[in-house]
């Protein structure tokens, strides 16, 4: 599922990433990444250390 792919990509990076960087690293469309991140945010699985950057909690 895209949500797991996005989370795995974020964990593998080891640093906070922007949605566009996650899309590029995962080989996904940015719109799909945005949808997956919305789910992850709602579930509290990712946090934003600074504006527009996200990382696993």
Protein backbone atom coordinates (compact mmCIF):
# COMPACT_ATOMS: atom_id res chain seq x y z
CA UNK A 1 0.00 0.00 0.00
CA UNK A 2 1.15 3.56 -0.68
CA UNK A 3 0.99 4.54 2.99
CA UNK A 4 3.53 1.85 3.92
CA UNK A 5 5.74 2.74 0.95
CA UNK A 6 5.79 6.42 1.98
CA UNK A 7 6.57 5.56 5.61
CA UNK A 8 9.33 3.13 4.58
CA UNK A 9 10.86 5.78 2.30
CA UNK A 10 10.84 8.31 5.14
CA UNK A 11 12.46 5.84 7.54
CA UNK A 12 15.12 4.90 4.97
CA UNK A 13 16.04 8.56 4.42
CA UNK A 14 16.88 9.07 8.09
CA UNK A 15 16.01 12.76 7.90
CA UNK A 16 12.99 15.00 7.43
CA UNK A 17 11.80 15.20 3.82
CA UNK A 18 9.43 17.30 1.73
CA UNK A 19 6.55 15.55 -0.07
CA UNK A 20 8.25 16.08 -3.43
CA UNK A 21 11.45 14.42 -2.18
CA UNK A 22 9.46 11.46 -0.84
CA UNK A 23 7.65 11.11 -4.19
CA UNK A 24 10.95 11.14 -6.08
CA UNK A 25 12.65 8.65 -3.74
CA UNK A 26 9.67 6.28 -3.75
CA UNK A 27 9.05 6.60 -7.49
CA UNK A 28 5.48 7.72 -6.87
CA UNK A 29 3.24 10.56 -8.02
CA UNK A 30 3.22 13.49 -5.57
CA UNK A 31 -0.59 13.38 -5.36
CA UNK A 32 -0.40 9.77 -4.14
CA UNK A 33 2.26 10.77 -1.58
CA UNK A 34 0.04 13.63 -0.35
CA UNK A 35 -2.90 11.23 0.13
CA UNK A 36 -0.71 8.74 2.02
CA UNK A 37 0.77 11.49 4.20
CA UNK A 38 -2.73 12.72 5.08
CA UNK A 39 -3.49 9.24 6.45
CA UNK A 40 -0.16 9.07 8.31
CA UNK A 41 -0.73 12.53 9.86
CA UNK A 42 -4.24 11.54 10.99
CA UNK A 43 -2.86 8.38 12.62
CA UNK A 44 -0.04 10.34 14.28
CA UNK A 45 2.68 8.28 12.59
CA UNK A 46 4.60 11.24 11.14
CA UNK A 47 5.59 14.62 12.59
CA UNK A 48 6.79 17.89 11.11
CA UNK A 49 10.02 19.19 12.71
CA UNK A 50 9.85 22.30 10.49
CA UNK A 51 7.42 23.72 7.93
CA UNK A 52 6.87 21.46 4.88
CA UNK A 53 9.24 18.76 6.15
CA UNK A 54 8.03 15.42 7.55
CA UNK A 55 9.59 12.48 9.34
CA UNK A 56 8.40 9.32 11.11
CA UNK A 57 7.38 9.82 14.73
